[in-house]
PDB file of N, CA and C in Angstrom:
ATOM      1  N   MET A   1       0.213   5.846 -11.415  1.00  0.00           N
ATOM      2  CA  MET A   1       0.522   7.136 -10.841  1.00  0.00           C
ATOM      3  C   MET A   1       1.264   6.893  -9.535  1.00  0.00           C
ATOM      4  N   PHE A   2       2.390   7.571  -9.346  1.00  0.00           N
ATOM      5  CA  PHE A   2       3.174   7.400  -8.133  1.00  0.00           C
ATOM      6  C   PHE A   2       3.218   8.701  -7.356  1.00  0.00           C
ATOM      7  N   LYS A   3       2.938   8.636  -6.069  1.00  0.00           N
ATOM      8  CA  LYS A   3       3.062   9.782  -5.176  1.00  0.00           C
ATOM      9  C   LYS A   3       4.200   9.495  -4.220  1.00  0.00           C
ATOM     10  N   SER A   4       4.856  10.543  -3.763  1.00  0.00           N
ATOM     11  CA  SER A   4       5.916  10.337  -2.786  1.00  0.00           C
ATOM     12  C   SER A   4       5.297  10.093  -1.420  1.00  0.00           C
ATOM     13  N   ALA A   5       6.046   9.470  -0.539  1.00  0.00           N
ATOM     14  CA  ALA A   5       5.566   9.200   0.813  1.00  0.00           C
ATOM     15  C   ALA A   5       5.152  10.479   1.512  1.00  0.00           C
ATOM     16  N   LEU A   6       5.812  11.567   1.205  1.00  0.00           N
ATOM     17  CA  LEU A   6       5.527  12.830   1.868  1.00  0.00           C
ATOM     18  C   LEU A   6       4.242  13.464   1.359  1.00  0.00           C
ATOM     19  N   ALA A   7       3.680  12.933   0.268  1.00  0.00           N
ATOM     20  CA  ALA A   7       2.446  13.493  -0.287  1.00  0.00           C
ATOM     21  C   ALA A   7       1.219  13.056   0.506  1.00  0.00           C
ATOM     22  N   TYR A   8       1.375  12.124   1.409  1.00  0.00           N
ATOM     23  CA  TYR A   8       0.268  11.617   2.211  1.00  0.00           C
ATOM     24  C   TYR A   8       0.449  12.022   3.663  1.00  0.00           C
ATOM     25  N   ASN A   9      -0.653  12.130   4.361  1.00  0.00           N
ATOM     26  CA  ASN A   9      -0.606  12.349   5.801  1.00  0.00           C
ATOM     27  C   ASN A   9      -1.642  11.448   6.453  1.00  0.00           C
ATOM     28  N   GLY A  10      -1.688  11.448   7.745  1.00  0.00           N
ATOM     29  CA  GLY A  10      -2.606  10.568   8.459  1.00  0.00           C
ATOM     30  C   GLY A  10      -4.064  10.779   8.100  1.00  0.00           C
ATOM     31  N   GLU A  11      -4.481  12.020   7.872  1.00  0.00           N
ATOM     32  CA  GLU A  11      -5.878  12.299   7.542  1.00  0.00           C
ATOM     33  C   GLU A  11      -6.290  11.654   6.220  1.00  0.00           C
ATOM     34  N   GLU A  12      -5.487  11.837   5.179  1.00  0.00           N
ATOM     35  CA  GLU A  12      -5.801  11.235   3.874  1.00  0.00           C
ATOM     36  C   GLU A  12      -5.897   9.720   3.981  1.00  0.00           C
ATOM     37  N   LEU A  13      -4.990   9.138   4.740  1.00  0.00           N
ATOM     38  CA  LEU A  13      -4.922   7.688   4.796  1.00  0.00           C
ATOM     39  C   LEU A  13      -6.026   7.083   5.650  1.00  0.00           C
ATOM     40  N   ASN A  14      -6.772   7.882   6.360  1.00  0.00           N
ATOM     41  CA  ASN A  14      -7.932   7.388   7.095  1.00  0.00           C
ATOM     42  C   ASN A  14      -9.211   7.507   6.285  1.00  0.00           C
ATOM     43  N   ASN A  15      -9.107   7.954   5.068  1.00  0.00           N
ATOM     44  CA  ASN A  15     -10.245   8.106   4.166  1.00  0.00           C
ATOM     45  C   ASN A  15     -10.779   6.711   3.802  1.00  0.00           C
ATOM     46  N   PRO A  16     -12.077   6.440   4.002  1.00  0.00           N
ATOM     47  CA  PRO A  16     -12.618   5.104   3.708  1.00  0.00           C
ATOM     48  C   PRO A  16     -12.587   4.730   2.219  1.00  0.00           C
ATOM     49  N   SER A  17     -12.347   5.693   1.335  1.00  0.00           N
ATOM     50  CA  SER A  17     -12.264   5.369  -0.096  1.00  0.00           C
ATOM     51  C   SER A  17     -10.844   4.980  -0.504  1.00  0.00           C
ATOM     52  N   ILE A  18      -9.917   4.980   0.462  1.00  0.00           N
ATOM     53  CA  ILE A  18      -8.528   4.594   0.203  1.00  0.00           C
ATOM     54  C   ILE A  18      -8.219   3.311   0.967  1.00  0.00           C
ATOM     55  N   VAL A  19      -7.624   2.334   0.274  1.00  0.00           N
ATOM     56  CA  VAL A  19      -7.187   1.095   0.911  1.00  0.00           C
ATOM     57  C   VAL A  19      -5.660   1.075   0.864  1.00  0.00           C
ATOM     58  N   ILE A  20      -5.045   1.047   2.036  1.00  0.00           N
ATOM     59  CA  ILE A  20      -3.585   0.967   2.124  1.00  0.00           C
ATOM     60  C   ILE A  20      -3.222  -0.501   2.240  1.00  0.00           C
ATOM     61  N   VAL A  21      -2.399  -0.977   1.317  1.00  0.00           N
ATOM     62  CA  VAL A  21      -1.981  -2.376   1.317  1.00  0.00           C
ATOM     63  C   VAL A  21      -0.498  -2.430   1.644  1.00  0.00           C
ATOM     64  N   ASP A  22      -0.180  -2.969   2.810  1.00  0.00           N
ATOM     65  CA  ASP A  22       1.202  -3.130   3.253  1.00  0.00           C
ATOM     66  C   ASP A  22       1.705  -4.461   2.705  1.00  0.00           C
ATOM     67  N   LEU A  23       2.733  -4.396   1.882  1.00  0.00           N
ATOM     68  CA  LEU A  23       3.262  -5.581   1.194  1.00  0.00           C
ATOM     69  C   LEU A  23       4.374  -6.282   1.969  1.00  0.00           C
ATOM     70  N   ARG A  24       4.721  -5.763   3.120  1.00  0.00           N
ATOM     71  CA  ARG A  24       5.814  -6.372   3.873  1.00  0.00           C
ATOM     72  C   ARG A  24       5.375  -7.685   4.522  1.00  0.00           C
ATOM     73  N   GLU A  25       6.351  -8.456   4.969  1.00  0.00           N
ATOM     74  CA  GLU A  25       6.077  -9.725   5.624  1.00  0.00           C
ATOM     75  C   GLU A  25       5.229  -9.486   6.873  1.00  0.00           C
ATOM     76  N   ASP A  26       4.435 -10.494   7.242  1.00  0.00           N
ATOM     77  CA  ASP A  26       3.505 -10.379   8.360  1.00  0.00           C
ATOM     78  C   ASP A  26       4.176  -9.931   9.652  1.00  0.00           C
ATOM     79  N   HIS A  27       5.357 -10.470   9.975  1.00  0.00           N
ATOM     80  CA  HIS A  27       5.999 -10.105  11.245  1.00  0.00           C
ATOM     81  C   HIS A  27       6.388  -8.626  11.282  1.00  0.00           C
ATOM     82  N   LEU A  28       6.750  -8.049  10.143  1.00  0.00           N
ATOM     83  CA  LEU A  28       7.064  -6.617  10.105  1.00  0.00           C
ATOM     84  C   LEU A  28       5.797  -5.776  10.214  1.00  0.00           C
ATOM     85  N   PHE A  29       4.736  -6.236   9.562  1.00  0.00           N
ATOM     86  CA  PHE A  29       3.448  -5.552   9.655  1.00  0.00           C
ATOM     87  C   PHE A  29       2.966  -5.541  11.100  1.00  0.00           C
ATOM     88  N   GLN A  30       3.077  -6.680  11.785  1.00  0.00           N
ATOM     89  CA  GLN A  30       2.621  -6.779  13.173  1.00  0.00           C
ATOM     90  C   GLN A  30       3.425  -5.863  14.096  1.00  0.00           C
ATOM     91  N   LYS A  31       4.698  -5.674  13.786  1.00  0.00           N
ATOM     92  CA  LYS A  31       5.554  -4.825  14.614  1.00  0.00           C
ATOM     93  C   LYS A  31       5.102  -3.372  14.546  1.00  0.00           C
ATOM     94  N   GLU A  32       4.879  -2.853  13.323  1.00  0.00           N
ATOM     95  CA  GLU A  32       4.342  -1.509  13.137  1.00  0.00           C
ATOM     96  C   GLU A  32       3.889  -1.327  11.698  1.00  0.00           C
ATOM     97  N   HIS A  33       2.814  -0.535  11.549  1.00  0.00           N
ATOM     98  CA  HIS A  33       2.279  -0.263  10.216  1.00  0.00           C
ATOM     99  C   HIS A  33       1.462   1.018  10.245  1.00  0.00           C
ATOM    100  N   ILE A  34       1.118   1.496   9.082  1.00  0.00           N
ATOM    101  CA  ILE A  34       0.285   2.685   8.960  1.00  0.00           C
ATOM    102  C   ILE A  34      -1.124   2.317   9.443  1.00  0.00           C
ATOM    103  N   PRO A  35      -1.725   3.158  10.292  1.00  0.00           N
ATOM    104  CA  PRO A  35      -3.082   2.857  10.760  1.00  0.00           C
ATOM    105  C   PRO A  35      -4.033   2.630   9.591  1.00  0.00           C
ATOM    106  N   SER A  36      -4.902   1.685   9.722  1.00  0.00           N
ATOM    107  CA  SER A  36      -5.925   1.262   8.751  1.00  0.00           C
ATOM    108  C   SER A  36      -5.372   0.450   7.590  1.00  0.00           C
ATOM    109  N   ALA A  37      -4.068   0.215   7.549  1.00  0.00           N
ATOM    110  CA  ALA A  37      -3.491  -0.610   6.474  1.00  0.00           C
ATOM    111  C   ALA A  37      -3.894  -2.071   6.649  1.00  0.00           C
ATOM    112  N   ILE A  38      -4.002  -2.756   5.518  1.00  0.00           N
ATOM    113  CA  ILE A  38      -4.191  -4.207   5.544  1.00  0.00           C
ATOM    114  C   ILE A  38      -2.895  -4.839   5.067  1.00  0.00           C
ATOM    115  N   ASN A  39      -2.682  -6.078   5.425  1.00  0.00           N
ATOM    116  CA  ASN A  39      -1.444  -6.764   5.061  1.00  0.00           C
ATOM    117  C   ASN A  39      -1.710  -7.841   4.019  1.00  0.00           C
ATOM    118  N   ILE A  40      -1.115  -7.652   2.849  1.00  0.00           N
ATOM    119  CA  ILE A  40      -1.047  -8.702   1.835  1.00  0.00           C
ATOM    120  C   ILE A  40       0.421  -8.781   1.448  1.00  0.00           C
ATOM    121  N   PRO A  41       1.152  -9.753   1.980  1.00  0.00           N
ATOM    122  CA  PRO A  41       2.578  -9.848   1.668  1.00  0.00           C
ATOM    123  C   PRO A  41       2.835  -9.916   0.157  1.00  0.00           C
ATOM    124  N   PHE A  42       3.930  -9.325  -0.265  1.00  0.00           N
ATOM    125  CA  PHE A  42       4.284  -9.280  -1.676  1.00  0.00           C
ATOM    126  C   PHE A  42       4.288 -10.674  -2.303  1.00  0.00           C
ATOM    127  N   SER A  43       4.705 -11.669  -1.545  1.00  0.00           N
ATOM    128  CA  SER A  43       4.760 -13.040  -2.061  1.00  0.00           C
ATOM    129  C   SER A  43       3.363 -13.596  -2.385  1.00  0.00           C
ATOM    130  N   GLU A  44       2.296 -12.922  -1.909  1.00  0.00           N
ATOM    131  CA  GLU A  44       0.928 -13.391  -2.132  1.00  0.00           C
ATOM    132  C   GLU A  44       0.105 -12.469  -3.046  1.00  0.00           C
ATOM    133  N   ILE A  45       0.662 -11.327  -3.450  1.00  0.00           N
ATOM    134  CA  ILE A  45      -0.135 -10.335  -4.169  1.00  0.00           C
ATOM    135  C   ILE A  45      -0.619 -10.853  -5.523  1.00  0.00           C
ATOM    136  N   ASP A  46       0.137 -11.743  -6.169  1.00  0.00           N
ATOM    137  CA  ASP A  46      -0.269 -12.290  -7.474  1.00  0.00           C
ATOM    138  C   ASP A  46      -1.627 -12.981  -7.427  1.00  0.00           C
ATOM    139  N   THR A  47      -1.960 -13.571  -6.301  1.00  0.00           N
ATOM    140  CA  THR A  47      -3.246 -14.259  -6.188  1.00  0.00           C
ATOM    141  C   THR A  47      -4.256 -13.477  -5.355  1.00  0.00           C
ATOM    142  N   ARG A  48      -3.797 -12.738  -4.373  1.00  0.00           N
ATOM    143  CA  ARG A  48      -4.722 -12.072  -3.444  1.00  0.00           C
ATOM    144  C   ARG A  48      -5.199 -10.704  -3.909  1.00  0.00           C
ATOM    145  N   TYR A  49      -4.633 -10.175  -4.998  1.00  0.00           N
ATOM    146  CA  TYR A  49      -5.078  -8.852  -5.458  1.00  0.00           C
ATOM    147  C   TYR A  49      -6.573  -8.850  -5.773  1.00  0.00           C
ATOM    148  N   LYS A  50      -7.127 -10.013  -6.063  1.00  0.00           N
ATOM    149  CA  LYS A  50      -8.552 -10.117  -6.390  1.00  0.00           C
ATOM    150  C   LYS A  50      -9.442  -9.795  -5.192  1.00  0.00           C
ATOM    151  N   GLU A  51      -8.878  -9.793  -3.987  1.00  0.00           N
ATOM    152  CA  GLU A  51      -9.616  -9.439  -2.770  1.00  0.00           C
ATOM    153  C   GLU A  51      -9.859  -7.931  -2.677  1.00  0.00           C
ATOM    154  N   LEU A  52      -9.126  -7.147  -3.456  1.00  0.00           N
ATOM    155  CA  LEU A  52      -9.191  -5.689  -3.350  1.00  0.00           C
ATOM    156  C   LEU A  52     -10.376  -5.119  -4.119  1.00  0.00           C
ATOM    157  N   ASP A  53     -10.935  -4.060  -3.604  1.00  0.00           N
ATOM    158  CA  ASP A  53     -12.093  -3.397  -4.186  1.00  0.00           C
ATOM    159  C   ASP A  53     -11.642  -2.469  -5.307  1.00  0.00           C
ATOM    160  N   ARG A  54     -12.041  -2.786  -6.528  1.00  0.00           N
ATOM    161  CA  ARG A  54     -11.646  -1.993  -7.700  1.00  0.00           C
ATOM    162  C   ARG A  54     -12.197  -0.569  -7.679  1.00  0.00           C
ATOM    163  N   THR A  55     -13.232  -0.311  -6.867  1.00  0.00           N
ATOM    164  CA  THR A  55     -13.830   1.023  -6.839  1.00  0.00           C
ATOM    165  C   THR A  55     -13.086   1.970  -5.899  1.00  0.00           C
ATOM    166  N   LYS A  56     -12.188   1.430  -5.097  1.00  0.00           N
ATOM    167  CA  LYS A  56     -11.444   2.252  -4.142  1.00  0.00           C
ATOM    168  C   LYS A  56     -10.038   2.544  -4.662  1.00  0.00           C
ATOM    169  N   GLN A  57      -9.438   3.570  -4.106  1.00  0.00           N
ATOM    170  CA  GLN A  57      -8.057   3.904  -4.439  1.00  0.00           C
ATOM    171  C   GLN A  57      -7.152   2.991  -3.625  1.00  0.00           C
ATOM    172  N   ILE A  58      -6.282   2.268  -4.317  1.00  0.00           N
ATOM    173  CA  ILE A  58      -5.354   1.345  -3.663  1.00  0.00           C
ATOM    174  C   ILE A  58      -4.001   2.033  -3.549  1.00  0.00           C
ATOM    175  N   VAL A  59      -3.437   2.044  -2.343  1.00  0.00           N
ATOM    176  CA  VAL A  59      -2.114   2.621  -2.118  1.00  0.00           C
ATOM    177  C   VAL A  59      -1.225   1.521  -1.547  1.00  0.00           C
ATOM    178  N   PHE A  60      -0.192   1.153  -2.297  1.00  0.00           N
ATOM    179  CA  PHE A  60       0.750   0.133  -1.831  1.00  0.00           C
ATOM    180  C   PHE A  60       1.862   0.778  -1.021  1.00  0.00           C
ATOM    181  N   VAL A  61       2.291   0.071   0.023  1.00  0.00           N
ATOM    182  CA  VAL A  61       3.457   0.474   0.797  1.00  0.00           C
ATOM    183  C   VAL A  61       4.281  -0.781   1.084  1.00  0.00           C
ATOM    184  N   CYS A  62       5.596  -0.627   0.983  1.00  0.00           N
ATOM    185  CA  CYS A  62       6.504  -1.749   1.274  1.00  0.00           C
ATOM    186  C   CYS A  62       7.714  -1.186   2.019  1.00  0.00           C
ATOM    187  N   HIS A  63       8.850  -1.834   1.911  1.00  0.00           N
ATOM    188  CA  HIS A  63      10.055  -1.379   2.607  1.00  0.00           C
ATOM    189  C   HIS A  63      10.537  -0.036   2.039  1.00  0.00           C
ATOM    190  N   THR A  64      10.836  -0.022   0.746  1.00  0.00           N
ATOM    191  CA  THR A  64      11.415   1.169   0.116  1.00  0.00           C
ATOM    192  C   THR A  64      10.699   1.602  -1.159  1.00  0.00           C
ATOM    193  N   GLY A  65       9.725   0.856  -1.605  1.00  0.00           N
ATOM    194  CA  GLY A  65       8.952   1.248  -2.776  1.00  0.00           C
ATOM    195  C   GLY A  65       9.023   0.319  -3.967  1.00  0.00           C
ATOM    196  N   SER A  66      10.029  -0.527  -4.051  1.00  0.00           N
ATOM    197  CA  SER A  66      10.190  -1.359  -5.256  1.00  0.00           C
ATOM    198  C   SER A  66       9.100  -2.432  -5.386  1.00  0.00           C
ATOM    199  N   MET A  67       8.700  -3.062  -4.296  1.00  0.00           N
ATOM    200  CA  MET A  67       7.623  -4.053  -4.363  1.00  0.00           C
ATOM    201  C   MET A  67       6.298  -3.371  -4.689  1.00  0.00           C
ATOM    202  N   GLY A  68       6.138  -2.149  -4.211  1.00  0.00           N
ATOM    203  CA  GLY A  68       4.948  -1.381  -4.525  1.00  0.00           C
ATOM    204  C   GLY A  68       4.866  -1.033  -6.004  1.00  0.00           C
ATOM    205  N   ASP A  69       6.005  -0.721  -6.601  1.00  0.00           N
ATOM    206  CA  ASP A  69       6.042  -0.451  -8.042  1.00  0.00           C
ATOM    207  C   ASP A  69       5.555  -1.663  -8.826  1.00  0.00           C
ATOM    208  N   GLU A  70       6.084  -2.828  -8.498  1.00  0.00           N
ATOM    209  CA  GLU A  70       5.700  -4.057  -9.202  1.00  0.00           C
ATOM    210  C   GLU A  70       4.222  -4.388  -8.986  1.00  0.00           C
ATOM    211  N   SER A  71       3.748  -4.200  -7.769  1.00  0.00           N
ATOM    212  CA  SER A  71       2.347  -4.500  -7.451  1.00  0.00           C
ATOM    213  C   SER A  71       1.400  -3.531  -8.151  1.00  0.00           C
ATOM    214  N   THR A  72       1.808  -2.271  -8.257  1.00  0.00           N
ATOM    215  CA  THR A  72       1.011  -1.276  -8.979  1.00  0.00           C
ATOM    216  C   THR A  72       0.849  -1.690 -10.437  1.00  0.00           C
ATOM    217  N   LYS A  73       1.943  -2.100 -11.052  1.00  0.00           N
ATOM    218  CA  LYS A  73       1.895  -2.549 -12.452  1.00  0.00           C
ATOM    219  C   LYS A  73       0.984  -3.765 -12.607  1.00  0.00           C
ATOM    220  N   LEU A  74       1.027  -4.689 -11.656  1.00  0.00           N
ATOM    221  CA  LEU A  74       0.184  -5.881 -11.695  1.00  0.00           C
ATOM    222  C   LEU A  74      -1.297  -5.502 -11.684  1.00  0.00           C
ATOM    223  N   LEU A  75      -1.681  -4.606 -10.787  1.00  0.00           N
ATOM    224  CA  LEU A  75      -3.089  -4.224 -10.698  1.00  0.00           C
ATOM    225  C   LEU A  75      -3.554  -3.469 -11.935  1.00  0.00           C
ATOM    226  N   ILE A  76      -2.734  -2.565 -12.437  1.00  0.00           N
ATOM    227  CA  ILE A  76      -3.099  -1.823 -13.655  1.00  0.00           C
ATOM    228  C   ILE A  76      -3.272  -2.791 -14.823  1.00  0.00           C
ATOM    229  N   LYS A  77      -2.380  -3.752 -14.926  1.00  0.00           N
ATOM    230  CA  LYS A  77      -2.471  -4.776 -15.980  1.00  0.00           C
ATOM    231  C   LYS A  77      -3.770  -5.562 -15.866  1.00  0.00           C
ATOM    232  N   ASN A  78      -4.291  -5.678 -14.654  1.00  0.00           N
ATOM    233  CA  ASN A  78      -5.516  -6.447 -14.410  1.00  0.00           C
ATOM    234  C   ASN A  78      -6.753  -5.565 -14.267  1.00  0.00           C
ATOM    235  N   GLY A  79      -6.691  -4.360 -14.807  1.00  0.00           N
ATOM    236  CA  GLY A  79      -7.877  -3.529 -14.927  1.00  0.00           C
ATOM    237  C   GLY A  79      -8.171  -2.549 -13.812  1.00  0.00           C
ATOM    238  N   PHE A  80      -7.327  -2.481 -12.785  1.00  0.00           N
ATOM    239  CA  PHE A  80      -7.531  -1.496 -11.726  1.00  0.00           C
ATOM    240  C   PHE A  80      -7.152  -0.119 -12.276  1.00  0.00           C
ATOM    241  N   LYS A  81      -7.907   0.902 -11.904  1.00  0.00           N
ATOM    242  CA  LYS A  81      -7.676   2.251 -12.416  1.00  0.00           C
ATOM    243  C   LYS A  81      -7.038   3.181 -11.386  1.00  0.00           C
ATOM    244  N   LYS A  82      -7.379   3.002 -10.118  1.00  0.00           N
ATOM    245  CA  LYS A  82      -6.923   3.924  -9.070  1.00  0.00           C
ATOM    246  C   LYS A  82      -5.906   3.216  -8.167  1.00  0.00           C
ATOM    247  N   VAL A  83      -4.663   3.182  -8.630  1.00  0.00           N
ATOM    248  CA  VAL A  83      -3.607   2.474  -7.905  1.00  0.00           C
ATOM    249  C   VAL A  83      -2.392   3.387  -7.784  1.00  0.00           C
ATOM    250  N   GLU A  84      -1.837   3.444  -6.592  1.00  0.00           N
ATOM    251  CA  GLU A  84      -0.646   4.255  -6.364  1.00  0.00           C
ATOM    252  C   GLU A  84       0.327   3.495  -5.465  1.00  0.00           C
ATOM    253  N   ASN A  85       1.571   3.934  -5.520  1.00  0.00           N
ATOM    254  CA  ASN A  85       2.618   3.375  -4.684  1.00  0.00           C
ATOM    255  C   ASN A  85       3.158   4.480  -3.790  1.00  0.00           C
ATOM    256  N   LEU A  86       3.327   4.181  -2.523  1.00  0.00           N
ATOM    257  CA  LEU A  86       3.906   5.131  -1.590  1.00  0.00           C
ATOM    258  C   LEU A  86       5.416   5.120  -1.819  1.00  0.00           C
ATOM    259  N   LYS A  87       5.878   6.020  -2.671  1.00  0.00           N
ATOM    260  CA  LYS A  87       7.296   6.038  -3.041  1.00  0.00           C
ATOM    261  C   LYS A  87       8.178   6.221  -1.821  1.00  0.00           C
ATOM    262  N   GLY A  88       9.236   5.439  -1.748  1.00  0.00           N
ATOM    263  CA  GLY A  88      10.123   5.480  -0.601  1.00  0.00           C
ATOM    264  C   GLY A  88       9.696   4.543   0.511  1.00  0.00           C
ATOM    265  N   GLY A  89       8.450   4.070   0.428  1.00  0.00           N
ATOM    266  CA  GLY A  89       7.948   3.084   1.376  1.00  0.00           C
ATOM    267  C   GLY A  89       8.057   3.492   2.830  1.00  0.00           C
ATOM    268  N   MET A  90       8.097   2.502   3.676  1.00  0.00           N
ATOM    269  CA  MET A  90       8.169   2.731   5.113  1.00  0.00           C
ATOM    270  C   MET A  90       9.484   3.404   5.509  1.00  0.00           C
ATOM    271  N   ALA A  91      10.516   3.240   4.693  1.00  0.00           N
ATOM    272  CA  ALA A  91      11.809   3.854   4.993  1.00  0.00           C
ATOM    273  C   ALA A  91      11.713   5.375   5.031  1.00  0.00           C
ATOM    274  N   GLN A  92      10.784   5.951   4.257  1.00  0.00           N
ATOM    275  CA  GLN A  92      10.637   7.405   4.230  1.00  0.00           C
ATOM    276  C   GLN A  92       9.350   7.896   4.885  1.00  0.00           C
ATOM    277  N   TRP A  93       8.499   6.992   5.338  1.00  0.00           N
ATOM    278  CA  TRP A  93       7.231   7.382   5.945  1.00  0.00           C
ATOM    279  C   TRP A  93       7.485   8.092   7.266  1.00  0.00           C
ATOM    280  N   THR A  94       6.905   9.275   7.442  1.00  0.00           N
ATOM    281  CA  THR A  94       7.060  10.024   8.682  1.00  0.00           C
ATOM    282  C   THR A  94       5.724  10.225   9.397  1.00  0.00           C
ATOM    283  N   GLY A  95       4.664   9.642   8.850  1.00  0.00           N
ATOM    284  CA  GLY A  95       3.340   9.779   9.441  1.00  0.00           C
ATOM    285  C   GLY A  95       3.136   8.831  10.606  1.00  0.00           C
ATOM    286  N   PRO A  96       1.891   8.731  11.055  1.00  0.00           N
ATOM    287  CA  PRO A  96       1.582   7.901  12.221  1.00  0.00           C
ATOM    288  C   PRO A  96       1.772   6.412  11.947  1.00  0.00           C
ATOM    289  N   LEU A  97       2.060   5.668  13.007  1.00  0.00           N
ATOM    290  CA  LEU A  97       2.228   4.218  12.955  1.00  0.00           C
ATOM    291  C   LEU A  97       1.462   3.592  14.117  1.00  0.00           C
ATOM    292  N   THR A  98       1.089   2.351  13.925  1.00  0.00           N
ATOM    293  CA  THR A  98       0.446   1.586  14.998  1.00  0.00           C
ATOM    294  C   THR A  98       0.984   0.169  14.965  1.00  0.00           C
ATOM    295  N   SER A  99       0.711  -0.591  16.009  1.00  0.00           N
ATOM    296  CA  SER A  99       1.163  -1.993  16.023  1.00  0.00           C
ATOM    297  C   SER A  99       0.005  -2.912  16.314  1.00  0.00           C
TER     298      SER A  99
END
């Protein structure tokens, strides 16, 4: 299931049942990211997805959405049920940011 970046706001993303996974490189994540997001770079998602809680809703965010699409497919293939991609990624995100 894909939602557009505009479908989320800061309140939803602070929900403890939602895990925001920022797929961008560490230096970009450190510069700015969505509050409460965790960083698992796209180059590591193939092995690190096992760290994610299958009972929570996983929301991927990347530069523009394409890495999130691929990561969403990976998790669904591996039995995750509640996975979404922030369509448009950080390029279209207008919500709060932190560093």
